Amino acid sequence: MGSAVGLHQLIDEHYQGLYRYAYRLAGAAADAEDLTQEAFRKAIDRLPQLRDPDRAKAWLYRILRNAYLHRVRDAKRHRTVPLDAVGDFAERAPAEPPDIEPARLQEALDDLDEAFRTPLILFHFEEFSYADIAEQMGIPIGTVMSRIARGRAYLRTRLAPTAANGTHPPT
């Protein structure tokens, strides 16, 4: 994987997915572009550390996530969600997905604490398995499942239409 051909293949295969992940994390196209570029720059510097090319996707996502977390810490923008605000933590079978405006979904994701947002994005948008998310984040699988359930509960509450008139609550 150390060759220029291998590097171009790595970028071609993973650029779009990394960009989507960065966009979901950062919430803005310019920030997503910067994060994606930073992740690939760091990956190039660390390419000799990639021992198993089959794990390149998880490795790149971890680099991007760490770059994002570093930016959040530097900007001191880290927000928290009180546990009582996320409601019932029980896993429920997802209903038919509602028709939600992408901007509203992104705004709700932006407001979700990073501890819940990252596993939710990796699972639903990037189709990582619980085991891959647990490995990437360095947490137990049960914690991954719990955080995904809590994140879903928060989003359900945040994005739910009001019963009276079918409109969305103010944001």
C-alpha atoms as a PDB file:
ATOM      1  CA  MET A   1       0.000   0.000   0.000  1.00  0.00           C
ATOM      2  CA  GLY A   2       3.049   2.258   0.181  1.00  0.00           C
ATOM      3  CA  SER A   3       3.187   2.941  -3.576  1.00  0.00           C
ATOM      4  CA  ALA A   4       1.752   5.963  -5.339  1.00  0.00           C
ATOM      5  CA  VAL A   5      -0.732   3.672  -7.103  1.00  0.00           C
ATOM      6  CA  GLY A   6      -1.836   2.271  -3.741  1.00  0.00           C
ATOM      7  CA  LEU A   7      -2.219   5.768  -2.338  1.00  0.00           C
ATOM      8  CA  HIS A   8      -4.343   6.925  -5.284  1.00  0.00           C
ATOM      9  CA  GLN A   9      -6.466   3.797  -4.963  1.00  0.00           C
ATOM     10  CA  LEU A  10      -6.952   4.481  -1.241  1.00  0.00           C
ATOM     11  CA  ILE A  11      -8.085   8.038  -1.969  1.00  0.00           C
ATOM     12  CA  ASP A  12     -10.347   7.002  -4.875  1.00  0.00           C
ATOM     13  CA  GLU A  13     -12.031   4.267  -2.841  1.00  0.00           C
ATOM     14  CA  HIS A  14     -12.621   6.229   0.348  1.00  0.00           C
ATOM     15  CA  TYR A  15     -12.839   9.941  -0.468  1.00  0.00           C
ATOM     16  CA  GLN A  16     -16.636  10.157  -0.856  1.00  0.00           C
ATOM     17  CA  GLY A  17     -17.380   8.141   2.287  1.00  0.00           C
ATOM     18  CA  LEU A  18     -14.895  10.125   4.369  1.00  0.00           C
ATOM     19  CA  TYR A  19     -16.305  13.393   3.066  1.00  0.00           C
ATOM     20  CA  ARG A  20     -19.872  12.336   3.965  1.00  0.00           C
ATOM     21  CA  TYR A  21     -18.716  11.318   7.436  1.00  0.00           C
ATOM     22  CA  ALA A  22     -16.852  14.612   7.885  1.00  0.00           C
ATOM     23  CA  TYR A  23     -19.916  16.544   6.717  1.00  0.00           C
ATOM     24  CA  ARG A  24     -22.148  14.724   9.185  1.00  0.00           C
ATOM     25  CA  LEU A  25     -19.689  15.444  11.986  1.00  0.00           C
ATOM     26  CA  ALA A  26     -18.890  19.056  11.137  1.00  0.00           C
ATOM     27  CA  GLY A  27     -22.172  20.167   9.565  1.00  0.00           C
ATOM     28  CA  ALA A  28     -20.603  22.433   6.939  1.00  0.00           C
ATOM     29  CA  ALA A  29     -19.173  21.682   3.507  1.00  0.00           C
ATOM     30  CA  ALA A  30     -16.035  23.792   3.980  1.00  0.00           C
ATOM     31  CA  ASP A  31     -15.260  22.121   7.312  1.00  0.00           C
ATOM     32  CA  ALA A  32     -15.916  18.694   5.799  1.00  0.00           C
ATOM     33  CA  GLU A  33     -13.522  19.426   2.926  1.00  0.00           C
ATOM     34  CA  ASP A  34     -10.854  20.610   5.367  1.00  0.00           C
ATOM     35  CA  LEU A  35     -11.295  17.565   7.605  1.00  0.00           C
ATOM     36  CA  THR A  36     -11.205  15.156   4.671  1.00  0.00           C
ATOM     37  CA  GLN A  37      -8.068  16.767   3.301  1.00  0.00           C
ATOM     38  CA  GLU A  38      -6.458  16.749   6.756  1.00  0.00           C
ATOM     39  CA  ALA A  39      -7.336  13.075   7.225  1.00  0.00           C
ATOM     40  CA  PHE A  40      -5.722  12.107   3.925  1.00  0.00           C
ATOM     41  CA  ARG A  41      -2.649  14.230   4.686  1.00  0.00           C
ATOM     42  CA  LYS A  42      -2.245  12.456   8.024  1.00  0.00           C
ATOM     43  CA  ALA A  43      -2.898   9.104   6.362  1.00  0.00           C
ATOM     44  CA  ILE A  44      -0.126   9.761   3.845  1.00  0.00           C
ATOM     45  CA  ASP A  45       2.263  10.600   6.692  1.00  0.00           C
ATOM     46  CA  ARG A  46       1.233   7.452   8.570  1.00  0.00           C
ATOM     47  CA  LEU A  47       0.877   5.080   5.626  1.00  0.00           C
ATOM     48  CA  PRO A  48       3.735   2.845   6.837  1.00  0.00           C
ATOM     49  CA  GLN A  49       1.704   2.236  10.041  1.00  0.00           C
ATOM     50  CA  LEU A  50      -1.121   0.598   8.064  1.00  0.00           C
ATOM     51  CA  ARG A  51      -0.303  -3.060   8.578  1.00  0.00           C
ATOM     52  CA  ASP A  52      -3.496  -4.563   7.147  1.00  0.00           C
ATOM     53  CA  PRO A  53      -4.782  -2.962   3.917  1.00  0.00           C
ATOM     54  CA  ASP A  54      -8.162  -4.656   4.514  1.00  0.00           C
ATOM     55  CA  ARG A  55      -8.588  -2.362   7.550  1.00  0.00           C
ATOM     56  CA  ALA A  56      -7.820   0.820   5.583  1.00  0.00           C
ATOM     57  CA  LYS A  57     -11.413   2.092   5.754  1.00  0.00           C
ATOM     58  CA  ALA A  58     -11.635   1.863   9.554  1.00  0.00           C
ATOM     59  CA  TRP A  59      -8.119   3.317   9.837  1.00  0.00           C
ATOM     60  CA  LEU A  60      -9.035   6.342   7.693  1.00  0.00           C
ATOM     61  CA  TYR A  61     -12.285   6.943   9.569  1.00  0.00           C
ATOM     62  CA  ARG A  62     -10.399   6.853  12.865  1.00  0.00           C
ATOM     63  CA  ILE A  63      -7.885   9.406  11.570  1.00  0.00           C
ATOM     64  CA  LEU A  64     -10.733  11.680  10.429  1.00  0.00           C
ATOM     65  CA  ARG A  65     -12.601  11.285  13.716  1.00  0.00           C
ATOM     66  CA  ASN A  66      -9.478  12.130  15.708  1.00  0.00           C
ATOM     67  CA  ALA A  67      -8.857  15.197  13.525  1.00  0.00           C
ATOM     68  CA  TYR A  68     -12.445  16.307  14.130  1.00  0.00           C
ATOM     69  CA  LEU A  69     -12.173  15.780  17.889  1.00  0.00           C
ATOM     70  CA  HIS A  70      -8.921  17.729  17.944  1.00  0.00           C
ATOM     71  CA  ARG A  71     -10.639  20.644  16.197  1.00  0.00           C
ATOM     72  CA  VAL A  72     -13.578  20.507  18.587  1.00  0.00           C
ATOM     73  CA  ARG A  73     -11.278  20.591  21.604  1.00  0.00           C
ATOM     74  CA  ASP A  74      -9.281  23.461  20.132  1.00  0.00           C
ATOM     75  CA  ALA A  75     -12.411  25.467  19.385  1.00  0.00           C
ATOM     76  CA  LYS A  76     -13.972  24.604  22.764  1.00  0.00           C
ATOM     77  CA  ARG A  77     -17.286  23.999  20.990  1.00  0.00           C
ATOM     78  CA  HIS A  78     -18.010  20.688  22.675  1.00  0.00           C
ATOM     79  CA  ARG A  79     -21.674  20.587  23.668  1.00  0.00           C
ATOM     80  CA  THR A  80     -23.385  18.104  25.953  1.00  0.00           C
ATOM     81  CA  VAL A  81     -26.884  16.700  26.038  1.00  0.00           C
ATOM     82  CA  PRO A  82     -28.354  16.055  29.484  1.00  0.00           C
ATOM     83  CA  LEU A  83     -29.206  12.387  29.863  1.00  0.00           C
ATOM     84  CA  ASP A  84     -32.781  13.192  30.870  1.00  0.00           C
ATOM     85  CA  ALA A  85     -33.212  14.985  27.522  1.00  0.00           C
ATOM     86  CA  VAL A  86     -32.714  11.822  25.496  1.00  0.00           C
ATOM     87  CA  GLY A  87     -35.629   9.956  27.045  1.00  0.00           C
ATOM     88  CA  ASP A  88     -36.092   6.199  27.073  1.00  0.00           C
ATOM     89  CA  PHE A  89     -32.931   4.300  26.181  1.00  0.00           C
ATOM     90  CA  ALA A  90     -34.711   1.122  25.120  1.00  0.00           C
ATOM     91  CA  GLU A  91     -34.033   0.023  21.570  1.00  0.00           C
ATOM     92  CA  ARG A  92     -37.143   0.086  19.431  1.00  0.00           C
ATOM     93  CA  ALA A  93     -37.569  -1.230  15.951  1.00  0.00           C
ATOM     94  CA  PRO A  94     -37.281   1.704  13.587  1.00  0.00           C
ATOM     95  CA  ALA A  95     -40.502   2.743  11.923  1.00  0.00           C
ATOM     96  CA  GLU A  96     -40.698   3.817   8.311  1.00  0.00           C
ATOM     97  CA  PRO A  97     -38.206   6.686   8.101  1.00  0.00           C
ATOM     98  CA  PRO A  98     -40.000  10.022   8.094  1.00  0.00           C
ATOM     99  CA  ASP A  99     -39.455  12.512   5.316  1.00  0.00           C
ATOM    100  CA  ILE A 100     -37.061  14.890   7.051  1.00  0.00           C
ATOM    101  CA  GLU A 101     -35.386  17.871   5.474  1.00  0.00           C
ATOM    102  CA  PRO A 102     -31.620  17.250   5.294  1.00  0.00           C
ATOM    103  CA  ALA A 103     -30.902  20.647   6.865  1.00  0.00           C
ATOM    104  CA  ARG A 104     -33.099  19.831   9.895  1.00  0.00           C
ATOM    105  CA  LEU A 105     -31.448  16.444  10.273  1.00  0.00           C
ATOM    106  CA  GLN A 106     -27.981  18.004  10.093  1.00  0.00           C
ATOM    107  CA  GLU A 107     -28.959  20.644  12.651  1.00  0.00           C
ATOM    108  CA  ALA A 108     -30.223  17.950  15.023  1.00  0.00           C
ATOM    109  CA  LEU A 109     -27.026  15.934  14.503  1.00  0.00           C
ATOM    110  CA  ASP A 110     -24.962  19.059  15.215  1.00  0.00           C
ATOM    111  CA  ASP A 111     -26.773  19.492  18.528  1.00  0.00           C
ATOM    112  CA  LEU A 112     -26.225  15.863  19.509  1.00  0.00           C
ATOM    113  CA  ASP A 113     -23.262  15.256  21.801  1.00  0.00           C
ATOM    114  CA  GLU A 114     -20.275  13.788  19.944  1.00  0.00           C
ATOM    115  CA  ALA A 115     -20.341  10.629  22.069  1.00  0.00           C
ATOM    116  CA  PHE A 116     -23.754   9.807  20.579  1.00  0.00           C
ATOM    117  CA  ARG A 117     -23.326  11.439  17.153  1.00  0.00           C
ATOM    118  CA  THR A 118     -20.227   9.515  16.037  1.00  0.00           C
ATOM    119  CA  PRO A 119     -21.556   5.965  16.532  1.00  0.00           C
ATOM    120  CA  LEU A 120     -24.937   6.971  15.084  1.00  0.00           C
ATOM    121  CA  ILE A 121     -23.327   8.391  11.931  1.00  0.00           C
ATOM    122  CA  LEU A 122     -20.976   5.449  11.510  1.00  0.00           C
ATOM    123  CA  PHE A 123     -23.814   2.939  11.912  1.00  0.00           C
ATOM    124  CA  HIS A 124     -26.596   4.566   9.886  1.00  0.00           C
ATOM    125  CA  PHE A 125     -24.786   6.624   7.275  1.00  0.00           C
ATOM    126  CA  GLU A 126     -21.512   4.752   6.799  1.00  0.00           C
ATOM    127  CA  GLU A 127     -22.881   1.242   7.522  1.00  0.00           C
ATOM    128  CA  PHE A 128     -20.181   0.239  10.001  1.00  0.00           C
ATOM    129  CA  SER A 129     -20.946  -2.776  12.199  1.00  0.00           C
ATOM    130  CA  TYR A 130     -21.243  -2.447  15.983  1.00  0.00           C
ATOM    131  CA  ALA A 131     -17.930  -4.308  16.298  1.00  0.00           C
ATOM    132  CA  ASP A 132     -16.145  -1.954  13.877  1.00  0.00           C
ATOM    133  CA  ILE A 133     -17.500   1.106  15.689  1.00  0.00           C
ATOM    134  CA  ALA A 134     -16.461  -0.330  19.057  1.00  0.00           C
ATOM    135  CA  GLU A 135     -12.958  -1.001  17.753  1.00  0.00           C
ATOM    136  CA  GLN A 136     -12.642   2.430  16.166  1.00  0.00           C
ATOM    137  CA  MET A 137     -13.860   4.278  19.255  1.00  0.00           C
ATOM    138  CA  GLY A 138     -12.157   2.012  21.777  1.00  0.00           C
ATOM    139  CA  ILE A 139     -15.373   1.252  23.679  1.00  0.00           C
ATOM    140  CA  PRO A 140     -17.371  -1.947  24.332  1.00  0.00           C
ATOM    141  CA  ILE A 141     -20.006  -3.069  21.813  1.00  0.00           C
ATOM    142  CA  GLY A 142     -22.722  -2.650  24.447  1.00  0.00           C
ATOM    143  CA  THR A 143     -21.749   0.996  24.849  1.00  0.00           C
ATOM    144  CA  VAL A 144     -21.924   1.462  21.074  1.00  0.00           C
ATOM    145  CA  MET A 145     -25.442  -0.009  20.976  1.00  0.00           C
ATOM    146  CA  SER A 146     -26.524   2.120  23.939  1.00  0.00           C
ATOM    147  CA  ARG A 147     -25.154   5.307  22.404  1.00  0.00           C
ATOM    148  CA  ILE A 148     -26.845   4.575  19.083  1.00  0.00           C
ATOM    149  CA  ALA A 149     -30.145   3.971  20.891  1.00  0.00           C
ATOM    150  CA  ARG A 150     -29.769   7.197  22.889  1.00  0.00           C
ATOM    151  CA  GLY A 151     -28.864   9.131  19.759  1.00  0.00           C
ATOM    152  CA  ARG A 152     -31.912   7.752  17.939  1.00  0.00           C
ATOM    153  CA  ALA A 153     -34.143   8.668  20.881  1.00  0.00           C
ATOM    154  CA  TYR A 154     -32.809  12.208  20.878  1.00  0.00           C
ATOM    155  CA  LEU A 155     -33.314  12.559  17.124  1.00  0.00           C
ATOM    156  CA  ARG A 156     -36.836  11.097  17.334  1.00  0.00           C
ATOM    157  CA  THR A 157     -37.742  13.671  19.971  1.00  0.00           C
ATOM    158  CA  ARG A 158     -36.002  16.525  18.201  1.00  0.00           C
ATOM    159  CA  LEU A 159     -37.406  15.763  14.745  1.00  0.00           C
ATOM    160  CA  ALA A 160     -40.892  14.560  15.701  1.00  0.00           C
ATOM    161  CA  PRO A 161     -43.809  16.517  14.260  1.00  0.00           C
ATOM    162  CA  THR A 162     -46.265  17.939  16.758  1.00  0.00           C
ATOM    163  CA  ALA A 163     -49.446  15.899  17.071  1.00  0.00           C
ATOM    164  CA  ALA A 164     -51.848  18.829  16.791  1.00  0.00           C
ATOM    165  CA  ASN A 165     -51.062  20.136  13.347  1.00  0.00           C
ATOM    166  CA  GLY A 166     -48.385  17.892  11.876  1.00  0.00           C
ATOM    167  CA  THR A 167     -45.776  20.636  11.877  1.00  0.00           C
ATOM    168  CA  HIS A 168     -42.326  20.331  13.281  1.00  0.00           C
ATOM    169  CA  PRO A 169     -41.446  21.851  16.644  1.00  0.00           C
ATOM    170  CA  PRO A 170     -39.430  25.073  16.495  1.00  0.00           C
ATOM    171  CA  THR A 171     -35.666  24.658  16.455  1.00  0.00           C
END
